[in-house]
Amino acid sequence: MSIEHTILAVISFKPKSGYDIKAEFEHKGAGLFWEMSYGSIYPKLKKLEESGWIKAYENNLQGRKRVLYELTREGWDELENWLYKTPEYPLIKDELLMKMASWHEDLDARKLIAHLEKRKEKSQELLAFVNFWPNNGTSYVSGIGKLALRYEESRLRAEIEWIEDTISALEKGDLPAPQDPFGLAEEIKQRRKDAHKGASDHEG
């Protein structure tokens, strides 16, 4: 999925300014499914214009001029082609899980619990939005769009439950038995100890 197609999808709901598109991602709507930086929006809008997929026009609203973007015929066709194309399997980039996979058991579990609690707060905030958004009486959310939101709701509920179970296991020290056929846990501890000792000797 490209940023260009994401922008086409957002504009398909209603002509929008660059600021509107930025807000769509900042205020969790489209941002639930796709992350985008503000700096990438305007260069992509220019590229979409040059490709003939969108057109810009001025709109006067309450005496304020704004440049809005609308899909062209070619833009609608490109959006439809993209919608019909089989999506790629999502790439996972989850810093919390990467840290947990790298967290050796002799490290301070309280630090990890703090990470998990922070993640739980964010997940609860997103879950509240997912429940509110399709029932707020103002936003357009299609029936198929609501099916996508059901996925987000079930994912977030499962994540919150997993976080609570994980915090409980860490607090009680009730961890699953590790798999360590080659004794790497002790080796890792020794390597870290040697590294710190070597650094201290060098500083001394």
N, C-alpha and C. Protein backbone atom coordinates (compact mmCIF):
# COMPACT_ATOMS: atom_id res chain seq x y z
N MET A 1 0.85 -1.19 0.00
CA MET A 1 0.00 0.00 0.00
C MET A 1 0.88 1.23 0.00
N SER A 2 0.65 2.15 -0.93
CA SER A 2 1.47 3.35 -1.02
C SER A 2 0.78 4.53 -0.33
N ILE A 3 1.58 5.53 0.00
CA ILE A 3 1.02 6.75 0.58
C ILE A 3 0.04 7.40 -0.40
N GLU A 4 0.40 7.34 -1.70
CA GLU A 4 -0.47 7.95 -2.71
C GLU A 4 -1.87 7.35 -2.68
N HIS A 5 -1.95 6.03 -2.58
CA HIS A 5 -3.27 5.39 -2.56
C HIS A 5 -4.03 5.71 -1.28
N THR A 6 -3.29 5.85 -0.19
CA THR A 6 -3.92 6.25 1.07
C THR A 6 -4.57 7.62 0.93
N ILE A 7 -3.85 8.54 0.31
CA ILE A 7 -4.39 9.89 0.12
C ILE A 7 -5.61 9.87 -0.81
N LEU A 8 -5.53 9.09 -1.88
CA LEU A 8 -6.69 8.96 -2.78
C LEU A 8 -7.90 8.45 -2.00
N ALA A 9 -7.67 7.45 -1.14
CA ALA A 9 -8.77 6.88 -0.36
C ALA A 9 -9.41 7.93 0.55
N VAL A 10 -8.58 8.75 1.19
CA VAL A 10 -9.09 9.78 2.09
C VAL A 10 -9.89 10.83 1.32
N ILE A 11 -9.36 11.26 0.18
CA ILE A 11 -10.05 12.27 -0.62
C ILE A 11 -11.35 11.72 -1.20
N SER A 12 -11.43 10.41 -1.41
CA SER A 12 -12.64 9.83 -2.01
C SER A 12 -13.88 10.07 -1.16
N PHE A 13 -13.71 10.23 0.15
CA PHE A 13 -14.86 10.47 1.01
C PHE A 13 -15.40 11.90 0.88
N LYS A 14 -14.47 12.83 0.63
CA LYS A 14 -14.85 14.24 0.53
C LYS A 14 -13.63 15.03 0.07
N PRO A 15 -13.79 16.03 -0.84
CA PRO A 15 -12.63 16.86 -1.21
C PRO A 15 -11.99 17.46 0.04
N LYS A 16 -10.68 17.46 0.08
CA LYS A 16 -9.99 17.88 1.29
C LYS A 16 -8.77 18.73 0.97
N SER A 17 -8.40 19.59 1.92
CA SER A 17 -7.15 20.34 1.83
C SER A 17 -6.03 19.49 2.40
N GLY A 18 -4.79 19.93 2.20
CA GLY A 18 -3.66 19.23 2.79
C GLY A 18 -3.80 19.16 4.31
N TYR A 19 -4.28 20.25 4.91
CA TYR A 19 -4.47 20.27 6.36
C TYR A 19 -5.53 19.25 6.78
N ASP A 20 -6.63 19.16 6.01
CA ASP A 20 -7.68 18.18 6.31
C ASP A 20 -7.14 16.76 6.30
N ILE A 21 -6.28 16.48 5.30
CA ILE A 21 -5.70 15.13 5.19
C ILE A 21 -4.80 14.86 6.39
N LYS A 22 -4.01 15.85 6.77
CA LYS A 22 -3.16 15.72 7.96
C LYS A 22 -4.02 15.42 9.19
N ALA A 23 -5.12 16.17 9.35
CA ALA A 23 -5.99 15.98 10.51
C ALA A 23 -6.62 14.59 10.51
N GLU A 24 -6.93 14.07 9.33
CA GLU A 24 -7.54 12.74 9.21
C GLU A 24 -6.64 11.67 9.83
N PHE A 25 -5.33 11.85 9.67
CA PHE A 25 -4.39 10.87 10.22
C PHE A 25 -4.04 11.16 11.67
N GLU A 26 -4.02 12.44 12.03
CA GLU A 26 -3.69 12.81 13.41
C GLU A 26 -4.81 12.46 14.37
N HIS A 27 -6.05 12.59 13.91
CA HIS A 27 -7.19 12.38 14.80
C HIS A 27 -7.72 10.96 14.72
N LYS A 28 -6.84 10.04 14.46
CA LYS A 28 -7.06 8.60 14.60
C LYS A 28 -7.87 7.95 13.50
N GLY A 29 -8.68 8.68 12.70
CA GLY A 29 -9.51 8.05 11.69
C GLY A 29 -8.73 7.12 10.78
N ALA A 30 -8.16 7.67 9.71
CA ALA A 30 -7.35 6.86 8.80
C ALA A 30 -6.09 6.37 9.50
N GLY A 31 -5.66 7.09 10.52
CA GLY A 31 -4.46 6.70 11.24
C GLY A 31 -4.58 5.36 11.96
N LEU A 32 -5.80 4.86 12.13
CA LEU A 32 -5.98 3.54 12.72
C LEU A 32 -5.36 2.46 11.85
N PHE A 33 -5.37 2.70 10.55
CA PHE A 33 -4.96 1.66 9.61
C PHE A 33 -3.64 1.96 8.90
N TRP A 34 -3.25 3.24 8.87
CA TRP A 34 -2.05 3.60 8.11
C TRP A 34 -1.41 4.83 8.71
N GLU A 35 -0.13 4.74 9.01
CA GLU A 35 0.60 5.87 9.60
C GLU A 35 1.20 6.73 8.50
N MET A 36 1.11 8.05 8.67
CA MET A 36 1.70 8.95 7.69
C MET A 36 2.24 10.19 8.37
N SER A 37 3.40 10.64 7.95
CA SER A 37 3.97 11.86 8.52
C SER A 37 3.44 13.07 7.75
N TYR A 38 3.30 14.19 8.47
CA TYR A 38 2.77 15.40 7.85
C TYR A 38 3.64 15.87 6.69
N GLY A 39 4.97 15.73 6.84
CA GLY A 39 5.88 16.22 5.82
C GLY A 39 5.75 15.50 4.49
N SER A 40 5.20 14.29 4.52
CA SER A 40 5.09 13.53 3.27
C SER A 40 3.83 13.87 2.47
N ILE A 41 2.89 14.60 3.07
CA ILE A 41 1.59 14.82 2.42
C ILE A 41 1.71 15.74 1.21
N TYR A 42 2.31 16.92 1.36
CA TYR A 42 2.31 17.90 0.27
C TYR A 42 3.12 17.44 -0.94
N PRO A 43 4.30 16.84 -0.75
CA PRO A 43 5.00 16.30 -1.93
C PRO A 43 4.19 15.24 -2.65
N LYS A 44 3.46 14.42 -1.89
CA LYS A 44 2.64 13.38 -2.51
C LYS A 44 1.44 13.98 -3.24
N LEU A 45 0.87 15.04 -2.68
CA LEU A 45 -0.24 15.72 -3.37
C LEU A 45 0.22 16.28 -4.72
N LYS A 46 1.42 16.86 -4.71
CA LYS A 46 1.98 17.39 -5.95
C LYS A 46 2.19 16.27 -6.97
N LYS A 47 2.70 15.14 -6.48
CA LYS A 47 2.92 14.00 -7.36
C LYS A 47 1.60 13.47 -7.92
N LEU A 48 0.58 13.42 -7.09
CA LEU A 48 -0.74 12.95 -7.54
C LEU A 48 -1.34 13.89 -8.58
N GLU A 49 -1.11 15.19 -8.39
CA GLU A 49 -1.57 16.16 -9.40
C GLU A 49 -0.85 15.94 -10.73
N GLU A 50 0.46 15.78 -10.65
CA GLU A 50 1.26 15.58 -11.87
C GLU A 50 0.86 14.29 -12.59
N SER A 51 0.42 13.29 -11.81
CA SER A 51 -0.03 12.03 -12.41
C SER A 51 -1.43 12.14 -13.01
N GLY A 52 -2.12 13.25 -12.70
CA GLY A 52 -3.47 13.44 -13.23
C GLY A 52 -4.54 12.71 -12.42
N TRP A 53 -4.20 12.30 -11.19
CA TRP A 53 -5.15 11.56 -10.37
C TRP A 53 -5.99 12.45 -9.46
N ILE A 54 -5.49 13.67 -9.18
CA ILE A 54 -6.28 14.63 -8.42
C ILE A 54 -6.16 16.00 -9.08
N LYS A 55 -7.09 16.86 -8.74
CA LYS A 55 -7.02 18.25 -9.22
C LYS A 55 -7.27 19.17 -8.03
N ALA A 56 -6.63 20.34 -8.06
CA ALA A 56 -6.79 21.31 -6.99
C ALA A 56 -7.73 22.42 -7.44
N TYR A 57 -8.52 22.92 -6.50
CA TYR A 57 -9.39 24.07 -6.80
C TYR A 57 -9.57 24.90 -5.53
N GLU A 58 -9.85 26.19 -5.73
CA GLU A 58 -10.03 27.08 -4.58
C GLU A 58 -11.47 27.01 -4.10
N ASN A 59 -11.60 27.05 -2.79
CA ASN A 59 -12.92 27.02 -2.17
C ASN A 59 -13.00 28.16 -1.16
N ASN A 60 -14.04 28.96 -1.26
CA ASN A 60 -14.23 30.07 -0.33
C ASN A 60 -15.24 29.64 0.74
N LEU A 61 -14.78 29.60 1.96
CA LEU A 61 -15.65 29.22 3.06
C LEU A 61 -15.56 30.29 4.14
N GLN A 62 -16.68 31.00 4.34
CA GLN A 62 -16.75 32.08 5.33
C GLN A 62 -15.63 33.10 5.11
N GLY A 63 -15.43 33.44 3.85
CA GLY A 63 -14.46 34.46 3.50
C GLY A 63 -13.02 33.99 3.53
N ARG A 64 -12.82 32.71 3.71
CA ARG A 64 -11.47 32.17 3.78
C ARG A 64 -11.22 31.29 2.57
N LYS A 65 -10.14 31.56 1.84
CA LYS A 65 -9.81 30.75 0.67
C LYS A 65 -9.02 29.53 1.09
N ARG A 66 -9.43 28.40 0.57
CA ARG A 66 -8.70 27.16 0.83
C ARG A 66 -8.53 26.41 -0.49
N VAL A 67 -7.41 25.72 -0.61
CA VAL A 67 -7.18 24.86 -1.77
C VAL A 67 -7.62 23.45 -1.39
N LEU A 68 -8.60 22.95 -2.13
CA LEU A 68 -9.09 21.59 -1.90
C LEU A 68 -8.65 20.69 -3.05
N TYR A 69 -8.58 19.41 -2.75
CA TYR A 69 -8.19 18.42 -3.75
C TYR A 69 -9.34 17.45 -3.98
N GLU A 70 -9.60 17.17 -5.27
CA GLU A 70 -10.66 16.24 -5.68
C GLU A 70 -10.08 15.21 -6.63
N LEU A 71 -10.65 14.01 -6.62
CA LEU A 71 -10.20 12.98 -7.54
C LEU A 71 -10.67 13.28 -8.97
N THR A 72 -9.82 13.01 -9.94
CA THR A 72 -10.21 13.08 -11.35
C THR A 72 -10.78 11.72 -11.75
N ARG A 73 -11.23 11.61 -12.97
CA ARG A 73 -11.72 10.32 -13.47
C ARG A 73 -10.61 9.27 -13.36
N GLU A 74 -9.39 9.68 -13.75
CA GLU A 74 -8.26 8.76 -13.66
C GLU A 74 -7.96 8.39 -12.20
N GLY A 75 -8.17 9.36 -11.30
CA GLY A 75 -7.95 9.10 -9.88
C GLY A 75 -8.94 8.08 -9.32
N TRP A 76 -10.22 8.23 -9.71
CA TRP A 76 -11.23 7.25 -9.28
C TRP A 76 -10.89 5.87 -9.83
N ASP A 77 -10.46 5.83 -11.08
CA ASP A 77 -10.09 4.54 -11.69
C ASP A 77 -8.91 3.91 -10.96
N GLU A 78 -7.91 4.73 -10.64
CA GLU A 78 -6.72 4.22 -9.94
C GLU A 78 -7.09 3.70 -8.55
N LEU A 79 -7.97 4.44 -7.86
CA LEU A 79 -8.42 4.02 -6.53
C LEU A 79 -9.14 2.66 -6.63
N GLU A 80 -10.01 2.53 -7.63
CA GLU A 80 -10.74 1.27 -7.82
C GLU A 80 -9.78 0.12 -8.12
N ASN A 81 -8.79 0.37 -8.98
CA ASN A 81 -7.80 -0.66 -9.30
C ASN A 81 -7.05 -1.10 -8.05
N TRP A 82 -6.70 -0.12 -7.23
CA TRP A 82 -5.98 -0.44 -5.99
C TRP A 82 -6.87 -1.24 -5.03
N LEU A 83 -8.15 -0.86 -4.92
CA LEU A 83 -9.06 -1.56 -4.02
C LEU A 83 -9.24 -3.03 -4.43
N TYR A 84 -9.21 -3.29 -5.74
CA TYR A 84 -9.41 -4.65 -6.23
C TYR A 84 -8.14 -5.50 -6.17
N LYS A 85 -6.99 -4.86 -6.01
CA LYS A 85 -5.72 -5.58 -5.98
C LYS A 85 -5.53 -6.27 -4.63
N THR A 86 -5.05 -7.52 -4.65
CA THR A 86 -4.84 -8.27 -3.41
C THR A 86 -3.85 -7.54 -2.51
N PRO A 87 -4.24 -7.24 -1.25
CA PRO A 87 -3.32 -6.51 -0.36
C PRO A 87 -2.16 -7.37 0.10
N GLU A 88 -1.04 -6.72 0.37
CA GLU A 88 0.12 -7.42 0.92
C GLU A 88 -0.12 -7.75 2.39
N TYR A 89 0.52 -8.80 2.87
CA TYR A 89 0.42 -9.12 4.30
C TYR A 89 1.13 -8.01 5.08
N PRO A 90 0.53 -7.54 6.19
CA PRO A 90 1.12 -6.39 6.89
C PRO A 90 2.49 -6.68 7.48
N LEU A 91 3.37 -5.69 7.38
CA LEU A 91 4.66 -5.77 8.04
C LEU A 91 4.50 -5.31 9.48
N ILE A 92 5.07 -6.07 10.40
CA ILE A 92 4.93 -5.73 11.82
C ILE A 92 6.15 -4.93 12.27
N LYS A 93 5.89 -3.78 12.89
CA LYS A 93 6.93 -2.97 13.51
C LYS A 93 6.42 -2.58 14.89
N ASP A 94 6.64 -3.45 15.86
CA ASP A 94 6.12 -3.21 17.20
C ASP A 94 7.30 -3.16 18.17
N GLU A 95 7.64 -1.96 18.59
CA GLU A 95 8.81 -1.78 19.44
C GLU A 95 8.66 -2.48 20.78
N LEU A 96 7.44 -2.47 21.34
CA LEU A 96 7.23 -3.13 22.62
C LEU A 96 7.55 -4.63 22.52
N LEU A 97 7.02 -5.29 21.49
CA LEU A 97 7.26 -6.73 21.34
C LEU A 97 8.73 -7.02 21.07
N MET A 98 9.38 -6.14 20.30
CA MET A 98 10.82 -6.33 20.04
C MET A 98 11.61 -6.21 21.33
N LYS A 99 11.23 -5.26 22.18
CA LYS A 99 11.91 -5.11 23.46
C LYS A 99 11.68 -6.32 24.35
N MET A 100 10.44 -6.83 24.35
CA MET A 100 10.14 -8.00 25.18
C MET A 100 10.94 -9.22 24.71
N ALA A 101 11.05 -9.38 23.39
CA ALA A 101 11.80 -10.51 22.85
C ALA A 101 13.29 -10.41 23.20
N SER A 102 13.75 -9.18 23.49
CA SER A 102 15.17 -8.95 23.79
C SER A 102 15.42 -8.75 25.29
N TRP A 103 14.35 -8.89 26.09
CA TRP A 103 14.43 -8.59 27.53
C TRP A 103 14.95 -9.82 28.28
N HIS A 104 16.19 -9.76 28.73
CA HIS A 104 16.75 -10.88 29.48
C HIS A 104 16.17 -10.87 30.90
N GLU A 105 15.95 -12.05 31.42
CA GLU A 105 15.13 -12.17 32.63
C GLU A 105 15.79 -11.62 33.90
N ASP A 106 17.06 -11.29 33.84
CA ASP A 106 17.70 -10.68 35.01
C ASP A 106 17.60 -9.15 34.99
N LEU A 107 16.96 -8.59 33.95
CA LEU A 107 16.77 -7.14 33.90
C LEU A 107 15.56 -6.75 34.75
N ASP A 108 15.44 -5.46 35.05
CA ASP A 108 14.40 -4.95 35.95
C ASP A 108 13.02 -5.06 35.31
N ALA A 109 12.20 -5.98 35.81
CA ALA A 109 10.86 -6.20 35.25
C ALA A 109 9.94 -4.99 35.46
N ARG A 110 10.24 -4.17 36.46
CA ARG A 110 9.39 -2.99 36.72
C ARG A 110 9.41 -2.02 35.54
N LYS A 111 10.56 -1.94 34.88
CA LYS A 111 10.67 -1.07 33.70
C LYS A 111 9.77 -1.59 32.58
N LEU A 112 9.75 -2.91 32.42
CA LEU A 112 8.90 -3.51 31.39
C LEU A 112 7.42 -3.32 31.73
N ILE A 113 7.07 -3.47 33.00
CA ILE A 113 5.69 -3.25 33.42
C ILE A 113 5.25 -1.83 33.12
N ALA A 114 6.15 -0.87 33.32
CA ALA A 114 5.83 0.53 33.00
C ALA A 114 5.56 0.70 31.51
N HIS A 115 6.35 0.03 30.66
CA HIS A 115 6.10 0.07 29.21
C HIS A 115 4.71 -0.49 28.89
N LEU A 116 4.38 -1.61 29.52
CA LEU A 116 3.10 -2.27 29.27
C LEU A 116 1.92 -1.40 29.73
N GLU A 117 2.08 -0.75 30.86
CA GLU A 117 1.00 0.11 31.37
C GLU A 117 0.77 1.29 30.44
N LYS A 118 1.87 1.84 29.89
CA LYS A 118 1.76 2.95 28.94
C LYS A 118 1.02 2.49 27.68
N ARG A 119 1.38 1.29 27.20
CA ARG A 119 0.73 0.74 26.01
C ARG A 119 -0.76 0.50 26.28
N LYS A 120 -1.08 0.02 27.46
CA LYS A 120 -2.48 -0.22 27.82
C LYS A 120 -3.29 1.07 27.77
N GLU A 121 -2.73 2.15 28.29
CA GLU A 121 -3.41 3.45 28.26
C GLU A 121 -3.74 3.85 26.83
N LYS A 122 -2.76 3.71 25.93
CA LYS A 122 -2.97 4.08 24.53
C LYS A 122 -4.01 3.18 23.88
N SER A 123 -3.95 1.88 24.16
CA SER A 123 -4.91 0.94 23.58
C SER A 123 -6.33 1.24 24.06
N GLN A 124 -6.46 1.58 25.33
CA GLN A 124 -7.79 1.93 25.87
C GLN A 124 -8.33 3.20 25.23
N GLU A 125 -7.44 4.16 24.99
CA GLU A 125 -7.83 5.41 24.33
C GLU A 125 -8.31 5.14 22.90
N LEU A 126 -7.58 4.29 22.17
CA LEU A 126 -7.97 3.95 20.80
C LEU A 126 -9.26 3.15 20.79
N LEU A 127 -9.44 2.25 21.75
CA LEU A 127 -10.66 1.45 21.82
C LEU A 127 -11.88 2.35 22.05
N ALA A 128 -11.74 3.34 22.91
CA ALA A 128 -12.83 4.28 23.15
C ALA A 128 -13.19 5.02 21.86
N PHE A 129 -12.16 5.41 21.09
CA PHE A 129 -12.41 6.11 19.82
C PHE A 129 -13.10 5.19 18.81
N VAL A 130 -12.62 3.93 18.72
CA VAL A 130 -13.19 2.97 17.77
C VAL A 130 -14.67 2.72 18.08
N ASN A 131 -15.02 2.70 19.35
CA ASN A 131 -16.42 2.50 19.74
C ASN A 131 -17.26 3.75 19.48
N PHE A 132 -16.64 4.93 19.64
CA PHE A 132 -17.40 6.18 19.50
C PHE A 132 -17.58 6.60 18.04
N TRP A 133 -16.52 6.50 17.25
CA TRP A 133 -16.48 7.06 15.90
C TRP A 133 -17.64 6.62 15.01
N PRO A 134 -17.94 5.30 14.90
CA PRO A 134 -19.01 4.90 13.98
C PRO A 134 -20.42 5.16 14.52
N ASN A 135 -20.51 5.73 15.71
CA ASN A 135 -21.82 6.01 16.31
C ASN A 135 -21.95 7.46 16.76
N ASN A 136 -21.10 8.35 16.19
CA ASN A 136 -21.10 9.73 16.69
C ASN A 136 -22.16 10.61 16.04
N GLY A 137 -22.87 10.08 15.04
CA GLY A 137 -23.95 10.84 14.40
C GLY A 137 -23.47 11.88 13.41
N THR A 138 -22.16 12.00 13.18
CA THR A 138 -21.65 13.02 12.26
C THR A 138 -20.73 12.45 11.18
N SER A 139 -19.95 11.41 11.50
CA SER A 139 -18.98 10.87 10.55
C SER A 139 -19.63 9.86 9.61
N TYR A 140 -19.17 9.86 8.35
CA TYR A 140 -19.61 8.83 7.42
C TYR A 140 -18.73 7.61 7.58
N VAL A 141 -19.32 6.49 7.94
CA VAL A 141 -18.61 5.22 8.03
C VAL A 141 -19.47 4.18 7.33
N SER A 142 -18.97 3.61 6.24
CA SER A 142 -19.76 2.63 5.49
C SER A 142 -19.92 1.34 6.28
N GLY A 143 -20.85 0.50 5.84
CA GLY A 143 -21.03 -0.78 6.50
C GLY A 143 -19.78 -1.63 6.45
N ILE A 144 -19.09 -1.62 5.30
CA ILE A 144 -17.84 -2.37 5.18
C ILE A 144 -16.76 -1.75 6.06
N GLY A 145 -16.76 -0.42 6.14
CA GLY A 145 -15.83 0.26 7.03
C GLY A 145 -16.05 -0.16 8.48
N LYS A 146 -17.32 -0.36 8.85
CA LYS A 146 -17.61 -0.80 10.22
C LYS A 146 -17.08 -2.21 10.48
N LEU A 147 -17.06 -3.04 9.44
CA LEU A 147 -16.47 -4.37 9.60
C LEU A 147 -14.98 -4.26 9.91
N ALA A 148 -14.29 -3.32 9.25
CA ALA A 148 -12.87 -3.11 9.53
C ALA A 148 -12.68 -2.62 10.96
N LEU A 149 -13.60 -1.78 11.43
CA LEU A 149 -13.50 -1.28 12.80
C LEU A 149 -13.76 -2.39 13.82
N ARG A 150 -14.60 -3.37 13.44
CA ARG A 150 -14.80 -4.52 14.33
C ARG A 150 -13.49 -5.26 14.57
N TYR A 151 -12.69 -5.38 13.50
CA TYR A 151 -11.39 -6.01 13.64
C TYR A 151 -10.53 -5.23 14.63
N GLU A 152 -10.49 -3.89 14.45
CA GLU A 152 -9.69 -3.06 15.36
C GLU A 152 -10.18 -3.19 16.80
N GLU A 153 -11.51 -3.25 16.97
CA GLU A 153 -12.06 -3.38 18.32
C GLU A 153 -11.63 -4.70 18.95
N SER A 154 -11.76 -5.81 18.20
CA SER A 154 -11.37 -7.11 18.76
C SER A 154 -9.87 -7.18 19.01
N ARG A 155 -9.07 -6.57 18.13
CA ARG A 155 -7.63 -6.56 18.32
C ARG A 155 -7.24 -5.80 19.58
N LEU A 156 -7.87 -4.62 19.76
CA LEU A 156 -7.53 -3.79 20.91
C LEU A 156 -7.99 -4.45 22.22
N ARG A 157 -9.17 -5.07 22.20
CA ARG A 157 -9.64 -5.77 23.41
C ARG A 157 -8.70 -6.92 23.77
N ALA A 158 -8.28 -7.66 22.73
CA ALA A 158 -7.35 -8.78 22.97
C ALA A 158 -6.02 -8.26 23.49
N GLU A 159 -5.56 -7.13 22.94
CA GLU A 159 -4.28 -6.57 23.39
C GLU A 159 -4.36 -6.14 24.84
N ILE A 160 -5.45 -5.48 25.23
CA ILE A 160 -5.60 -5.02 26.62
C ILE A 160 -5.63 -6.22 27.57
N GLU A 161 -6.35 -7.27 27.18
CA GLU A 161 -6.41 -8.47 28.03
C GLU A 161 -5.02 -9.11 28.14
N TRP A 162 -4.29 -9.17 27.02
CA TRP A 162 -2.94 -9.74 27.03
C TRP A 162 -2.01 -8.91 27.92
N ILE A 163 -2.12 -7.59 27.84
CA ILE A 163 -1.27 -6.72 28.68
C ILE A 163 -1.55 -6.98 30.17
N GLU A 164 -2.82 -7.06 30.52
CA GLU A 164 -3.18 -7.29 31.93
C GLU A 164 -2.64 -8.63 32.42
N ASP A 165 -2.77 -9.68 31.58
CA ASP A 165 -2.25 -11.00 31.94
C ASP A 165 -0.72 -10.98 32.06
N THR A 166 -0.08 -10.24 31.14
CA THR A 166 1.39 -10.17 31.14
C THR A 166 1.91 -9.43 32.36
N ILE A 167 1.27 -8.31 32.71
CA ILE A 167 1.66 -7.57 33.92
C ILE A 167 1.52 -8.45 35.15
N SER A 168 0.40 -9.18 35.23
CA SER A 168 0.17 -10.07 36.36
C SER A 168 1.26 -11.13 36.47
N ALA A 169 1.63 -11.73 35.32
CA ALA A 169 2.68 -12.76 35.32
C ALA A 169 4.02 -12.18 35.75
N LEU A 170 4.33 -10.97 35.31
CA LEU A 170 5.59 -10.33 35.68
C LEU A 170 5.62 -9.99 37.17
N GLU A 171 4.51 -9.48 37.68
CA GLU A 171 4.46 -9.10 39.10
C GLU A 171 4.58 -10.32 40.01
N LYS A 172 3.99 -11.44 39.58
CA LYS A 172 4.03 -12.66 40.41
C LYS A 172 5.28 -13.49 40.15
N GLY A 173 6.03 -13.11 39.09
CA GLY A 173 7.17 -13.94 38.72
C GLY A 173 6.74 -15.27 38.13
N ASP A 174 5.52 -15.31 37.61
CA ASP A 174 4.94 -16.54 37.08
C ASP A 174 5.13 -16.59 35.56
N LEU A 175 6.39 -16.73 35.13
CA LEU A 175 6.70 -16.70 33.70
C LEU A 175 6.67 -18.10 33.10
N PRO A 176 6.37 -18.20 31.82
CA PRO A 176 6.47 -19.51 31.17
C PRO A 176 7.92 -20.00 31.24
N ALA A 177 8.07 -21.34 31.25
CA ALA A 177 9.43 -21.90 31.29
C ALA A 177 10.19 -21.51 30.04
N PRO A 178 11.40 -20.99 30.17
CA PRO A 178 12.17 -20.60 28.98
C PRO A 178 12.68 -21.82 28.23
N GLN A 179 13.00 -21.63 26.98
CA GLN A 179 13.69 -22.66 26.20
C GLN A 179 15.12 -22.19 26.01
N ASP A 180 16.05 -22.93 26.57
CA ASP A 180 17.46 -22.51 26.53
C ASP A 180 18.36 -23.75 26.44
N PRO A 181 18.32 -24.47 25.33
CA PRO A 181 19.07 -25.73 25.23
C PRO A 181 20.58 -25.56 25.28
N PHE A 182 21.09 -24.37 25.00
CA PHE A 182 22.55 -24.18 24.95
C PHE A 182 23.06 -23.27 26.07
N GLY A 183 22.22 -23.01 27.07
CA GLY A 183 22.66 -22.21 28.21
C GLY A 183 23.01 -20.77 27.88
N LEU A 184 22.26 -20.19 26.93
CA LEU A 184 22.58 -18.81 26.51
C LEU A 184 22.28 -17.78 27.59
N ALA A 185 21.30 -18.03 28.45
CA ALA A 185 20.94 -17.03 29.47
C ALA A 185 22.15 -16.71 30.36
N GLU A 186 22.83 -17.75 30.83
CA GLU A 186 24.00 -17.54 31.68
C GLU A 186 25.15 -16.92 30.88
N GLU A 187 25.28 -17.35 29.64
CA GLU A 187 26.34 -16.80 28.79
C GLU A 187 26.13 -15.30 28.55
N ILE A 188 24.87 -14.91 28.32
CA ILE A 188 24.53 -13.49 28.09
C ILE A 188 24.88 -12.67 29.33
N LYS A 189 24.51 -13.19 30.51
CA LYS A 189 24.82 -12.49 31.76
C LYS A 189 26.33 -12.28 31.91
N GLN A 190 27.08 -13.33 31.61
CA GLN A 190 28.54 -13.25 31.75
C GLN A 190 29.14 -12.27 30.76
N ARG A 191 28.65 -12.29 29.52
CA ARG A 191 29.16 -11.36 28.50
C ARG A 191 28.90 -9.91 28.90
N ARG A 192 27.69 -9.67 29.43
CA ARG A 192 27.37 -8.31 29.86
C ARG A 192 28.27 -7.89 31.03
N LYS A 193 28.45 -8.84 31.98
CA LYS A 193 29.31 -8.56 33.14
C LYS A 193 30.74 -8.27 32.70
N ASP A 194 31.23 -9.07 31.76
CA ASP A 194 32.61 -8.88 31.26
C ASP A 194 32.75 -7.52 30.55
N ALA A 195 31.72 -7.16 29.78
CA ALA A 195 31.74 -5.88 29.05
C ALA A 195 31.82 -4.71 30.02
N HIS A 196 31.01 -4.78 31.09
CA HIS A 196 31.02 -3.69 32.08
C HIS A 196 32.34 -3.66 32.85
N LYS A 197 32.84 -4.84 33.17
CA LYS A 197 34.12 -4.91 33.90
C LYS A 197 35.25 -4.35 33.03
N GLY A 198 35.24 -4.75 31.74
CA GLY A 198 36.26 -4.26 30.82
C GLY A 198 36.22 -2.75 30.66
N ALA A 199 34.98 -2.20 30.63
CA ALA A 199 34.83 -0.74 30.51
C ALA A 199 35.35 -0.05 31.76
N SER A 200 35.08 -0.65 32.94
CA SER A 200 35.53 -0.06 34.21
C SER A 200 37.06 -0.08 34.28
N ASP A 201 37.65 -1.22 33.86
CA ASP A 201 39.11 -1.32 33.89
C ASP A 201 39.76 -0.29 32.97
N HIS A 202 39.10 -0.08 31.81
CA HIS A 202 39.64 0.88 30.84
C HIS A 202 39.56 2.31 31.38
N GLU A 203 38.43 2.59 32.05
CA GLU A 203 38.24 3.94 32.62
C GLU A 203 39.21 4.17 33.77
N GLY A 204 39.49 3.08 34.51
CA GLY A 204 40.43 3.20 35.65
C GLY A 204 41.84 3.39 35.16
